[in-house]
Structures are given as C-alpha cells and as structure tokens.
C-alpha atoms as a PDB file:
ATOM      1  CA  UNK A   1       0.639 -18.565 -32.469  1.00  0.00           C
ATOM      2  CA  UNK A   2       3.955 -17.092 -31.556  1.00  0.00           C
ATOM      3  CA  UNK A   3       2.223 -13.992 -30.277  1.00  0.00           C
ATOM      4  CA  UNK A   4      -0.265 -15.797 -28.180  1.00  0.00           C
ATOM      5  CA  UNK A   5       2.563 -17.916 -26.649  1.00  0.00           C
ATOM      6  CA  UNK A   6       4.477 -14.881 -25.959  1.00  0.00           C
ATOM      7  CA  UNK A   7       1.475 -13.403 -24.191  1.00  0.00           C
ATOM      8  CA  UNK A   8       1.198 -16.453 -22.109  1.00  0.00           C
ATOM      9  CA  UNK A   9       4.798 -16.278 -20.991  1.00  0.00           C
ATOM     10  CA  UNK A  10       4.620 -12.657 -20.162  1.00  0.00           C
ATOM     11  CA  UNK A  11       1.492 -13.114 -18.131  1.00  0.00           C
ATOM     12  CA  UNK A  12       3.082 -15.939 -16.247  1.00  0.00           C
ATOM     13  CA  UNK A  13       6.034 -13.978 -15.372  1.00  0.00           C
ATOM     14  CA  UNK A  14       3.740 -10.944 -14.481  1.00  0.00           C
ATOM     15  CA  UNK A  15       1.716 -13.267 -12.174  1.00  0.00           C
ATOM     16  CA  UNK A  16       4.733 -14.707 -10.487  1.00  0.00           C
ATOM     17  CA  UNK A  17       6.105 -11.117  -9.699  1.00  0.00           C
ATOM     18  CA  UNK A  18       2.548 -10.107  -8.717  1.00  0.00           C
ATOM     19  CA  UNK A  19       2.780 -12.282  -5.581  1.00  0.00           C
ATOM     20  CA  UNK A  20       6.492 -11.513  -4.932  1.00  0.00           C
ATOM     21  CA  UNK A  21       6.084  -8.177  -2.996  1.00  0.00           C
ATOM     22  CA  UNK A  22       4.578  -9.752   0.067  1.00  0.00           C
ATOM     23  CA  UNK A  23       7.228 -12.557   0.114  1.00  0.00           C
ATOM     24  CA  UNK A  24      10.217 -10.129  -0.251  1.00  0.00           C
ATOM     25  CA  UNK A  25       8.676  -7.691   2.279  1.00  0.00           C
ATOM     26  CA  UNK A  26       8.711 -10.476   4.866  1.00  0.00           C
ATOM     27  CA  UNK A  27      12.228 -11.652   4.054  1.00  0.00           C
ATOM     28  CA  UNK A  28      13.654  -8.199   4.106  1.00  0.00           C
ATOM     29  CA  UNK A  29      12.930  -8.085   7.730  1.00  0.00           C
ATOM     30  CA  UNK A  30      15.632 -10.691   8.235  1.00  0.00           C
ATOM     31  CA  UNK A  31      17.986 -10.261   5.185  1.00  0.00           C
ATOM     32  CA  UNK A  32      19.038  -6.810   3.877  1.00  0.00           C
ATOM     33  CA  UNK A  33      18.190  -6.071   0.177  1.00  0.00           C
ATOM     34  CA  UNK A  34      21.657  -6.508  -1.633  1.00  0.00           C
ATOM     35  CA  UNK A  35      22.335  -9.756   0.332  1.00  0.00           C
ATOM     36  CA  UNK A  36      18.830 -10.868  -0.599  1.00  0.00           C
ATOM     37  CA  UNK A  37      19.578 -10.078  -4.270  1.00  0.00           C
ATOM     38  CA  UNK A  38      22.919 -12.197  -4.049  1.00  0.00           C
ATOM     39  CA  UNK A  39      21.061 -15.116  -2.582  1.00  0.00           C
ATOM     40  CA  UNK A  40      18.484 -15.071  -5.270  1.00  0.00           C
ATOM     41  CA  UNK A  41      21.088 -14.965  -7.900  1.00  0.00           C
ATOM     42  CA  UNK A  42      22.991 -17.850  -6.393  1.00  0.00           C
ATOM     43  CA  UNK A  43      20.026 -20.044  -6.478  1.00  0.00           C
ATOM     44  CA  UNK A  44      18.810 -18.943  -9.947  1.00  0.00           C
ATOM     45  CA  UNK A  45      22.129 -19.164 -11.670  1.00  0.00           C
ATOM     46  CA  UNK A  46      22.561 -22.651 -10.171  1.00  0.00           C
ATOM     47  CA  UNK A  47      19.104 -23.793 -11.457  1.00  0.00           C
ATOM     48  CA  UNK A  48      19.419 -22.129 -14.890  1.00  0.00           C
ATOM     49  CA  UNK A  49      23.087 -23.469 -15.122  1.00  0.00           C
ATOM     50  CA  UNK A  50      21.860 -27.115 -14.454  1.00  0.00           C
ATOM     51  CA  UNK A  51      19.266 -26.709 -17.204  1.00  0.00           C
ATOM     52  CA  UNK A  52      21.562 -24.918 -19.628  1.00  0.00           C
ATOM     53  CA  UNK A  53      24.144 -27.784 -19.095  1.00  0.00           C
ATOM     54  CA  UNK A  54      21.611 -30.383 -19.540  1.00  0.00           C
ATOM     55  CA  UNK A  55      20.092 -29.062 -22.834  1.00  0.00           C
ATOM     56  CA  UNK A  56      23.633 -28.337 -24.148  1.00  0.00           C
ATOM     57  CA  UNK A  57      22.482 -24.934 -25.229  1.00  0.00           C
ATOM     58  CA  UNK A  58      24.633 -22.501 -27.316  1.00  0.00           C
ATOM     59  CA  UNK A  59      27.191 -20.688 -25.271  1.00  0.00           C
ATOM     60  CA  UNK A  60      27.369 -16.822 -25.624  1.00  0.00           C
ATOM     61  CA  UNK A  61      30.442 -15.904 -27.874  1.00  0.00           C
ATOM     62  CA  UNK A  62      33.269 -13.840 -26.523  1.00  0.00           C
ATOM     63  CA  UNK A  63      32.128 -10.774 -28.615  1.00  0.00           C
ATOM     64  CA  UNK A  64      28.760 -10.793 -27.050  1.00  0.00           C
ATOM     65  CA  UNK A  65      29.741 -11.104 -23.423  1.00  0.00           C
ATOM     66  CA  UNK A  66      29.839  -7.371 -22.946  1.00  0.00           C
ATOM     67  CA  UNK A  67      26.063  -7.386 -23.930  1.00  0.00           C
ATOM     68  CA  UNK A  68      24.973 -10.002 -21.437  1.00  0.00           C
ATOM     69  CA  UNK A  69      27.200  -8.268 -18.805  1.00  0.00           C
ATOM     70  CA  UNK A  70      25.399  -5.137 -19.216  1.00  0.00           C
ATOM     71  CA  UNK A  71      22.185  -7.110 -18.925  1.00  0.00           C
ATOM     72  CA  UNK A  72      23.175  -8.597 -15.722  1.00  0.00           C
ATOM     73  CA  UNK A  73      24.430  -5.190 -14.370  1.00  0.00           C
ATOM     74  CA  UNK A  74      21.331  -3.191 -15.481  1.00  0.00           C
ATOM     75  CA  UNK A  75      18.599  -5.784 -15.029  1.00  0.00           C
ATOM     76  CA  UNK A  76      19.839  -7.679 -11.923  1.00  0.00           C
ATOM     77  CA  UNK A  77      22.230  -5.603  -9.895  1.00  0.00           C
ATOM     78  CA  UNK A  78      20.634  -2.128 -10.606  1.00  0.00           C
ATOM     79  CA  UNK A  79      16.918  -2.839 -11.078  1.00  0.00           C
ATOM     80  CA  UNK A  80      16.402  -5.676  -8.457  1.00  0.00           C
ATOM     81  CA  UNK A  81      18.742  -4.091  -5.997  1.00  0.00           C
ATOM     82  CA  UNK A  82      16.840  -0.677  -6.328  1.00  0.00           C
ATOM     83  CA  UNK A  83      13.499  -2.450  -6.326  1.00  0.00           C
ATOM     84  CA  UNK A  84      14.350  -4.230  -2.970  1.00  0.00           C
ATOM     85  CA  UNK A  85      16.025  -1.171  -1.484  1.00  0.00           C
ATOM     86  CA  UNK A  86      13.086   0.984  -2.422  1.00  0.00           C
ATOM     87  CA  UNK A  87      10.477  -1.423  -1.004  1.00  0.00           C
ATOM     88  CA  UNK A  88      12.571  -1.761   2.117  1.00  0.00           C
ATOM     89  CA  UNK A  89      12.907   2.033   2.647  1.00  0.00           C
ATOM     90  CA  UNK A  90       9.344   2.732   1.322  1.00  0.00           C
ATOM     91  CA  UNK A  91       6.517   0.520   1.246  1.00  0.00           C
ATOM     92  CA  UNK A  92       5.129  -2.459  -0.925  1.00  0.00           C
ATOM     93  CA  UNK A  93       2.209  -0.381  -2.095  1.00  0.00           C
ATOM     94  CA  UNK A  94       4.564   2.422  -3.337  1.00  0.00           C
ATOM     95  CA  UNK A  95       6.600  -0.172  -4.964  1.00  0.00           C
ATOM     96  CA  UNK A  96       3.657  -1.440  -6.943  1.00  0.00           C
ATOM     97  CA  UNK A  97       2.745   2.204  -7.839  1.00  0.00           C
ATOM     98  CA  UNK A  98       6.130   3.501  -8.994  1.00  0.00           C
ATOM     99  CA  UNK A  99       7.484   0.418 -10.821  1.00  0.00           C
ATOM    100  CA  UNK A 100       4.332   0.357 -12.824  1.00  0.00           C
ATOM    101  CA  UNK A 101       5.925   3.126 -14.924  1.00  0.00           C
ATOM    102  CA  UNK A 102       8.300   0.735 -16.533  1.00  0.00           C
ATOM    103  CA  UNK A 103       6.020  -0.149 -19.598  1.00  0.00           C
ATOM    104  CA  UNK A 104       6.068   3.639 -20.668  1.00  0.00           C
ATOM    105  CA  UNK A 105       9.948   3.424 -20.494  1.00  0.00           C
ATOM    106  CA  UNK A 106       9.910   0.211 -22.389  1.00  0.00           C
ATOM    107  CA  UNK A 107       7.965   1.808 -25.229  1.00  0.00           C
ATOM    108  CA  UNK A 108      10.569   4.748 -25.219  1.00  0.00           C
ATOM    109  CA  UNK A 109      13.559   2.343 -25.283  1.00  0.00           C
ATOM    110  CA  UNK A 110      11.847   0.084 -27.898  1.00  0.00           C
ATOM    111  CA  UNK A 111      11.611   3.127 -30.240  1.00  0.00           C
ATOM    112  CA  UNK A 112      15.269   4.283 -29.514  1.00  0.00           C
ATOM    113  CA  UNK A 113      17.153   0.943 -29.631  1.00  0.00           C
ATOM    114  CA  UNK A 114      14.745  -1.304 -31.740  1.00  0.00           C
ATOM    115  CA  UNK A 115      13.436   1.460 -34.038  1.00  0.00           C
ATOM    116  CA  UNK A 116       9.878   0.176 -33.228  1.00  0.00           C
ATOM    117  CA  UNK A 117       7.017   2.474 -34.352  1.00  0.00           C
ATOM    118  CA  UNK A 118       5.024   4.142 -31.538  1.00  0.00           C
ATOM    119  CA  UNK A 119       1.563   3.581 -33.036  1.00  0.00           C
ATOM    120  CA  UNK A 120      -1.945   4.735 -31.879  1.00  0.00           C
ATOM    121  CA  UNK A 121      -2.975   1.208 -30.629  1.00  0.00           C
ATOM    122  CA  UNK A 122       0.237   1.021 -28.529  1.00  0.00           C
ATOM    123  CA  UNK A 123      -0.291   4.398 -26.924  1.00  0.00           C
ATOM    124  CA  UNK A 124      -4.137   3.556 -26.358  1.00  0.00           C
ATOM    125  CA  UNK A 125      -3.293   0.144 -24.787  1.00  0.00           C
ATOM    126  CA  UNK A 126      -0.618   1.889 -22.584  1.00  0.00           C
ATOM    127  CA  UNK A 127      -2.939   4.575 -21.431  1.00  0.00           C
ATOM    128  CA  UNK A 128      -5.916   2.385 -20.805  1.00  0.00           C
ATOM    129  CA  UNK A 129      -3.790  -0.178 -18.706  1.00  0.00           C
ATOM    130  CA  UNK A 130      -2.104   2.640 -16.758  1.00  0.00           C
ATOM    131  CA  UNK A 131      -5.404   4.039 -15.722  1.00  0.00           C
ATOM    132  CA  UNK A 132      -6.445   0.533 -14.740  1.00  0.00           C
ATOM    133  CA  UNK A 133      -3.389   0.169 -12.508  1.00  0.00           C
ATOM    134  CA  UNK A 134      -4.154   3.510 -10.873  1.00  0.00           C
ATOM    135  CA  UNK A 135      -7.679   2.359 -10.162  1.00  0.00           C
ATOM    136  CA  UNK A 136      -6.520  -1.129  -8.778  1.00  0.00           C
ATOM    137  CA  UNK A 137      -3.893   0.227  -6.484  1.00  0.00           C
ATOM    138  CA  UNK A 138      -5.916   3.190  -5.469  1.00  0.00           C
ATOM    139  CA  UNK A 139      -3.730   6.183  -6.287  1.00  0.00           C
ATOM    140  CA  UNK A 140      -4.596   8.900  -3.761  1.00  0.00           C
ATOM    141  CA  UNK A 141      -5.751   6.604  -1.008  1.00  0.00           C
ATOM    142  CA  UNK A 142      -4.024   6.415   2.404  1.00  0.00           C
ATOM    143  CA  UNK A 143      -2.004   3.454   1.290  1.00  0.00           C
ATOM    144  CA  UNK A 144       0.136   5.895  -0.616  1.00  0.00           C
ATOM    145  CA  UNK A 145       1.405   7.507   2.730  1.00  0.00           C
ATOM    146  CA  UNK A 146       4.628   6.657   4.415  1.00  0.00           C
ATOM    147  CA  UNK A 147       7.018   6.380   1.432  1.00  0.00           C
ATOM    148  CA  UNK A 148      10.334   7.977   1.955  1.00  0.00           C
ATOM    149  CA  UNK A 149      11.901  10.254  -0.744  1.00  0.00           C
ATOM    150  CA  UNK A 150      15.071   8.060  -1.088  1.00  0.00           C
ATOM    151  CA  UNK A 151      13.148   4.901  -1.112  1.00  0.00           C
ATOM    152  CA  UNK A 152      10.776   6.325  -3.961  1.00  0.00           C
ATOM    153  CA  UNK A 153      13.911   7.492  -5.980  1.00  0.00           C
ATOM    154  CA  UNK A 154      15.177   3.905  -5.665  1.00  0.00           C
ATOM    155  CA  UNK A 155      11.874   2.551  -7.120  1.00  0.00           C
ATOM    156  CA  UNK A 156      12.047   5.126  -9.901  1.00  0.00           C
ATOM    157  CA  UNK A 157      15.579   3.804 -10.838  1.00  0.00           C
ATOM    158  CA  UNK A 158      14.160   0.256 -10.650  1.00  0.00           C
ATOM    159  CA  UNK A 159      11.415   1.073 -13.207  1.00  0.00           C
ATOM    160  CA  UNK A 160      13.841   2.673 -15.691  1.00  0.00           C
ATOM    161  CA  UNK A 161      16.485   0.061 -15.516  1.00  0.00           C
ATOM    162  CA  UNK A 162      14.095  -2.694 -15.760  1.00  0.00           C
ATOM    163  CA  UNK A 163      12.726  -1.151 -19.046  1.00  0.00           C
ATOM    164  CA  UNK A 164      16.266  -0.855 -20.358  1.00  0.00           C
ATOM    165  CA  UNK A 165      16.912  -4.368 -19.475  1.00  0.00           C
ATOM    166  CA  UNK A 166      13.857  -5.796 -21.089  1.00  0.00           C
ATOM    167  CA  UNK A 167      14.705  -4.104 -24.455  1.00  0.00           C
ATOM    168  CA  UNK A 168      18.269  -5.120 -24.401  1.00  0.00           C
ATOM    169  CA  UNK A 169      17.247  -8.656 -23.612  1.00  0.00           C
ATOM    170  CA  UNK A 170      15.200  -8.707 -26.838  1.00  0.00           C
ATOM    171  CA  UNK A 171      18.352  -7.633 -28.675  1.00  0.00           C
ATOM    172  CA  UNK A 172      20.308 -10.538 -27.101  1.00  0.00           C
ATOM    173  CA  UNK A 173      17.432 -13.207 -27.930  1.00  0.00           C
ATOM    174  CA  UNK A 174      17.828 -12.262 -31.584  1.00  0.00           C
ATOM    175  CA  UNK A 175      20.963 -14.328 -31.478  1.00  0.00           C
ATOM    176  CA  UNK A 176      20.746 -16.495 -28.346  1.00  0.00           C
ATOM    177  CA  UNK A 177      18.106 -18.547 -26.519  1.00  0.00           C
ATOM    178  CA  UNK A 178      16.217 -16.971 -23.728  1.00  0.00           C
ATOM    179  CA  UNK A 179      17.552 -19.595 -21.469  1.00  0.00           C
ATOM    180  CA  UNK A 180      21.215 -18.648 -22.295  1.00  0.00           C
ATOM    181  CA  UNK A 181      20.478 -15.016 -22.137  1.00  0.00           C
ATOM    182  CA  UNK A 182      18.838 -15.344 -18.597  1.00  0.00           C
ATOM    183  CA  UNK A 183      21.620 -17.750 -17.337  1.00  0.00           C
ATOM    184  CA  UNK A 184      24.477 -15.511 -18.368  1.00  0.00           C
ATOM    185  CA  UNK A 185      22.799 -12.307 -17.120  1.00  0.00           C
ATOM    186  CA  UNK A 186      22.201 -13.937 -13.784  1.00  0.00           C
ATOM    187  CA  UNK A 187      25.968 -14.900 -13.546  1.00  0.00           C
ATOM    188  CA  UNK A 188      27.065 -11.357 -14.291  1.00  0.00           C
ATOM    189  CA  UNK A 189      24.416  -9.911 -11.940  1.00  0.00           C
ATOM    190  CA  UNK A 190      25.837 -12.227  -9.155  1.00  0.00           C
ATOM    191  CA  UNK A 191      29.471 -10.961  -9.891  1.00  0.00           C
ATOM    192  CA  UNK A 192      28.408  -7.321  -9.934  1.00  0.00           C
ATOM    193  CA  UNK A 193      26.374  -7.420  -6.729  1.00  0.00           C
ATOM    194  CA  UNK A 194      28.566  -9.615  -4.563  1.00  0.00           C
ATOM    195  CA  UNK A 195      31.002  -6.665  -3.474  1.00  0.00           C
ATOM    196  CA  UNK A 196      28.013  -4.492  -2.676  1.00  0.00           C
ATOM    197  CA  UNK A 197      26.454  -7.221  -0.556  1.00  0.00           C
ATOM    198  CA  UNK A 198      29.776  -7.878   1.275  1.00  0.00           C
ATOM    199  CA  UNK A 199      29.862  -4.024   2.148  1.00  0.00           C
ATOM    200  CA  UNK A 200      26.272  -4.163   3.278  1.00  0.00           C
ATOM    201  CA  UNK A 201      26.918  -7.110   5.647  1.00  0.00           C
ATOM    202  CA  UNK A 202      29.439  -4.900   7.394  1.00  0.00           C
ATOM    203  CA  UNK A 203      26.570  -2.470   8.354  1.00  0.00           C
ATOM    204  CA  UNK A 204      23.403  -4.546   8.549  1.00  0.00           C
ATOM    205  CA  UNK A 205      22.686  -7.886  10.190  1.00  0.00           C
ATOM    206  CA  UNK A 206      21.414 -10.896   8.093  1.00  0.00           C
ATOM    207  CA  UNK A 207      19.756 -14.055   9.276  1.00  0.00           C
ATOM    208  CA  UNK A 208      18.622 -15.969   6.323  1.00  0.00           C
ATOM    209  CA  UNK A 209      17.993 -19.168   8.340  1.00  0.00           C
ATOM    210  CA  UNK A 210      15.900 -17.328  10.971  1.00  0.00           C
ATOM    211  CA  UNK A 211      12.977 -19.737  10.445  1.00  0.00           C
ATOM    212  CA  UNK A 212      11.466 -21.997   7.849  1.00  0.00           C
ATOM    213  CA  UNK A 213       9.426 -19.058   6.333  1.00  0.00           C
ATOM    214  CA  UNK A 214      12.617 -16.989   5.750  1.00  0.00           C
ATOM    215  CA  UNK A 215      14.485 -19.658   3.793  1.00  0.00           C
ATOM    216  CA  UNK A 216      11.456 -20.863   2.053  1.00  0.00           C
ATOM    217  CA  UNK A 217      10.963 -17.366   0.888  1.00  0.00           C
ATOM    218  CA  UNK A 218      14.478 -16.999  -0.265  1.00  0.00           C
ATOM    219  CA  UNK A 219      14.122 -20.286  -2.266  1.00  0.00           C
ATOM    220  CA  UNK A 220      10.865 -19.049  -3.879  1.00  0.00           C
ATOM    221  CA  UNK A 221      12.538 -15.648  -4.754  1.00  0.00           C
ATOM    222  CA  UNK A 222      15.545 -17.646  -6.316  1.00  0.00           C
ATOM    223  CA  UNK A 223      13.928 -20.443  -8.198  1.00  0.00           C
ATOM    224  CA  UNK A 224      10.474 -19.041  -9.017  1.00  0.00           C
ATOM    225  CA  UNK A 225      10.816 -15.236  -9.135  1.00  0.00           C
ATOM    226  CA  UNK A 226      14.243 -15.036 -10.630  1.00  0.00           C
ATOM    227  CA  UNK A 227      15.174 -18.202 -12.566  1.00  0.00           C
ATOM    228  CA  UNK A 228      11.555 -18.960 -13.678  1.00  0.00           C
ATOM    229  CA  UNK A 229      10.061 -15.560 -14.077  1.00  0.00           C
ATOM    230  CA  UNK A 230      13.094 -13.840 -15.841  1.00  0.00           C
ATOM    231  CA  UNK A 231      13.218 -16.672 -18.307  1.00  0.00           C
ATOM    232  CA  UNK A 232       9.455 -16.394 -18.986  1.00  0.00           C
ATOM    233  CA  UNK A 233       9.746 -12.544 -19.427  1.00  0.00           C
ATOM    234  CA  UNK A 234      12.791 -12.824 -21.794  1.00  0.00           C
ATOM    235  CA  UNK A 235      11.027 -15.612 -23.852  1.00  0.00           C
ATOM    236  CA  UNK A 236       7.878 -13.337 -24.043  1.00  0.00           C
ATOM    237  CA  UNK A 237       9.915 -10.383 -25.332  1.00  0.00           C
ATOM    238  CA  UNK A 238      11.500 -12.763 -27.773  1.00  0.00           C
ATOM    239  CA  UNK A 239       8.186 -13.587 -29.280  1.00  0.00           C
ATOM    240  CA  UNK A 240       6.560 -10.091 -29.261  1.00  0.00           C
ATOM    241  CA  UNK A 241       7.297  -6.505 -29.981  1.00  0.00           C
ATOM    242  CA  UNK A 242       8.885  -4.632 -27.027  1.00  0.00           C
ATOM    243  CA  UNK A 243       6.148  -2.035 -26.956  1.00  0.00           C
ATOM    244  CA  UNK A 244       3.403  -4.576 -27.187  1.00  0.00           C
ATOM    245  CA  UNK A 245       5.006  -6.766 -24.530  1.00  0.00           C
ATOM    246  CA  UNK A 246       5.345  -3.949 -22.267  1.00  0.00           C
ATOM    247  CA  UNK A 247       1.660  -3.728 -21.353  1.00  0.00           C
ATOM    248  CA  UNK A 248       1.806  -7.156 -19.708  1.00  0.00           C
ATOM    249  CA  UNK A 249       3.832  -5.740 -16.847  1.00  0.00           C
ATOM    250  CA  UNK A 250       0.511  -4.266 -15.680  1.00  0.00           C
ATOM    251  CA  UNK A 251      -0.858  -7.836 -15.081  1.00  0.00           C
ATOM    252  CA  UNK A 252       1.203  -7.833 -11.871  1.00  0.00           C
ATOM    253  CA  UNK A 253      -1.143  -5.900  -9.611  1.00  0.00           C
ATOM    254  CA  UNK A 254      -4.105  -7.800 -10.849  1.00  0.00           C
ATOM    255  CA  UNK A 255      -2.774 -11.319 -10.393  1.00  0.00           C
ATOM    256  CA  UNK A 256      -1.120 -10.159  -7.103  1.00  0.00           C
ATOM    257  CA  UNK A 257      -4.449  -9.184  -5.761  1.00  0.00           C
ATOM    258  CA  UNK A 258      -6.181 -12.398  -6.879  1.00  0.00           C
ATOM    259  CA  UNK A 259      -3.372 -14.440  -5.128  1.00  0.00           C
ATOM    260  CA  UNK A 260      -3.973 -12.360  -2.021  1.00  0.00           C
ATOM    261  CA  UNK A 261      -7.742 -13.108  -2.291  1.00  0.00           C
ATOM    262  CA  UNK A 262      -7.085 -16.786  -2.881  1.00  0.00           C
ATOM    263  CA  UNK A 263      -4.378 -17.459  -0.490  1.00  0.00           C
ATOM    264  CA  UNK A 264      -4.652 -14.771   2.277  1.00  0.00           C
ATOM    265  CA  UNK A 265      -8.473 -14.312   2.128  1.00  0.00           C
ATOM    266  CA  UNK A 266      -8.016 -10.754   1.377  1.00  0.00           C
ATOM    267  CA  UNK A 267     -11.024  -8.656   0.366  1.00  0.00           C
ATOM    268  CA  UNK A 268     -11.327  -7.259  -3.083  1.00  0.00           C
ATOM    269  CA  UNK A 269     -12.940  -3.813  -3.483  1.00  0.00           C
ATOM    270  CA  UNK A 270     -14.913  -2.780  -6.486  1.00  0.00           C
ATOM    271  CA  UNK A 271     -11.915  -0.782  -7.810  1.00  0.00           C
ATOM    272  CA  UNK A 272     -10.072  -4.017  -8.285  1.00  0.00           C
ATOM    273  CA  UNK A 273     -12.668  -5.326 -10.842  1.00  0.00           C
ATOM    274  CA  UNK A 274     -12.984  -1.998 -12.684  1.00  0.00           C
ATOM    275  CA  UNK A 275      -9.131  -1.493 -12.968  1.00  0.00           C
ATOM    276  CA  UNK A 276      -8.467  -5.146 -13.570  1.00  0.00           C
ATOM    277  CA  UNK A 277     -10.971  -4.967 -16.620  1.00  0.00           C
ATOM    278  CA  UNK A 278      -9.225  -1.841 -17.912  1.00  0.00           C
ATOM    279  CA  UNK A 279      -5.798  -3.542 -17.598  1.00  0.00           C
ATOM    280  CA  UNK A 280      -7.088  -6.553 -19.564  1.00  0.00           C
ATOM    281  CA  UNK A 281      -8.547  -4.335 -22.202  1.00  0.00           C
ATOM    282  CA  UNK A 282      -5.181  -2.717 -22.658  1.00  0.00           C
ATOM    283  CA  UNK A 283      -3.485  -6.000 -22.849  1.00  0.00           C
ATOM    284  CA  UNK A 284      -6.272  -6.954 -25.591  1.00  0.00           C
ATOM    285  CA  UNK A 285      -5.608  -3.884 -27.497  1.00  0.00           C
ATOM    286  CA  UNK A 286      -1.809  -4.603 -27.576  1.00  0.00           C
ATOM    287  CA  UNK A 287      -2.234  -8.171 -28.394  1.00  0.00           C
ATOM    288  CA  UNK A 288      -4.895  -8.082 -31.103  1.00  0.00           C
ATOM    289  CA  UNK A 289      -4.281  -4.744 -32.899  1.00  0.00           C
ATOM    290  CA  UNK A 290      -4.481  -4.942 -36.679  1.00  0.00           C
ATOM    291  CA  UNK A 291      -0.713  -4.042 -36.870  1.00  0.00           C
ATOM    292  CA  UNK A 292       0.342  -6.723 -34.550  1.00  0.00           C
ATOM    293  CA  UNK A 293      -1.825  -9.356 -36.294  1.00  0.00           C
ATOM    294  CA  UNK A 294      -0.416  -8.401 -39.706  1.00  0.00           C
ATOM    295  CA  UNK A 295       3.224  -8.515 -38.350  1.00  0.00           C
ATOM    296  CA  UNK A 296       2.675 -11.962 -36.702  1.00  0.00           C
ATOM    297  CA  UNK A 297       1.269 -13.312 -40.044  1.00  0.00           C
ATOM    298  CA  UNK A 298       4.215 -12.017 -41.985  1.00  0.00           C
ATOM    299  CA  UNK A 299       6.772 -13.655 -39.654  1.00  0.00           C
ATOM    300  CA  UNK A 300       5.007 -17.027 -39.725  1.00  0.00           C
END
C-alpha cells in the first residue's frame, strides 16, 4: 500500500510540474529567473511554515541543519535557479528534453549514497521511459532548434542537482517528516538565493505586478509548484526506492501535454500516445517488479 501511495504522490508532483513550464515561461517575461525563485520561496516557505506550526511537527535538530541546508542550496537555489535561467536563455522545449535526464542521475546517486542495487527491472524501466520521453517531445524535430549553449548547460546543471536533491531528501526523510524537510529546505533555499536575486535586480528589470496573470502565475508557482509539489515529491521518495521513484519524473511531459490539450485546446499528435504508453510501461515496470513487491511486503 505504501508503494502505491508513493506512486500517487510522485505522479501528482510530476503532473504539477508538467504544467509549470508554460506558466514560468510567461512570468519570466516580466520577472528575471533568480528573482522569481526568491518570490516562489517566500510564498512556499510561508505556506509550509503555517502548516508546520499548525501540525506541531518535529523540528530539525541542530546536528541535522547542515543536511537540510545542503538540500536548500542544491535543490532550490542551484536546481530551480538553473532551470529557470536555462528556460529563459534556451526554450521550454529544451527544458523538457534536457531535464528529463534527471532519473538517470537519480539511479546513479541512489546507488552511491543509498547503496541501492541497480537491477535489470530498474534499468529496463528507465530505458523504456526514456525512449518514451524522446518520442513524446519529438527529439530531432524543429522544436529542438534555438537553444543557446549556456542555456542548455544551465539545464544540465538543473538535471544533475535535482537528482542529488531527490536522493539527499530521501536520506533526510528517514529521520524527519516530508513536511519538515520541505519547509526547512525552502527556508535555506530562500537564504542562499536572496543575495543572488539582489545582484540580479541591479542588472535586470522586474515587474511582478505587471498584470493579474503575472502575479497569479507567481502565486501558482509558489503555492502549488513549490510548496505542494516539493512536498509530494519528497513524500513519494520517502515511500519508495529512489531508483524506482526516479521513473515518475518522466510523467511530466505526458501530463503537461494532457493539460495543454484540456486547457489550451492543443492538438496531440500520434507520437504523444505512443511515447505516453511507453512512459507508463516504464512506470509500471518500476512499480510492480518482483523485487519491488517483495521489498514492500517485507517492510509492511
């Protein structure tokens, strides 16, 4: 049951992030990347802090502050900052392509830091889902053009740092709740990013109140895409192996395309259905492999 719940949380987080690229791309026309990151953190930390206080959750002990500080720096300041900077300098399409490399790095960091075994079902699920992502987003199509080298390098950094954050977050949730880990990490992320945003504002203009869509987008990014989705992602990793949970990252382009179809009336090509089926097959392999089922039974 815990594994199925973990799959639900991870799918929910991936679904939220799947629809985030369009929102962030629009808001970035009015607010530069690091400033947008800070605004996200202020909103997210406030929401998570209120819930944390209301639930009277366990505080992170002094000796573990270093771990959650690293989580804030790697997962919030570096990863989100690099993702926004990369999307801003490159394109939303390239952002979806390059950051989809994160699961491969999650499997690697899971083996190095958590001593998880890299089994055949895990490799197979990763390969099947990776090919599915390539089919969905159309690697090699005209949509790949126009990405700058520096923007793409930022996106690679975002993929690697997100993988490290995900695995380190699983280490932290062995001792503390996902709510506490997400809240403290957001606070440290805010602290580390503030000086960078202040420097950025001396060089780039910002108008977060330009119109109702801009500040509504900022609220969405802070409350839903940061406070909500980060909590769901950490909770999912708490309930599943890192290498199995990694595959759910690939759900982003599928749900993002579905949202575009439902909300924006975008047309879905045949490649979406073929690639989407492959991604879901990869997720199924990771979720219901004999090894995973056996491990879940042993921990119940």
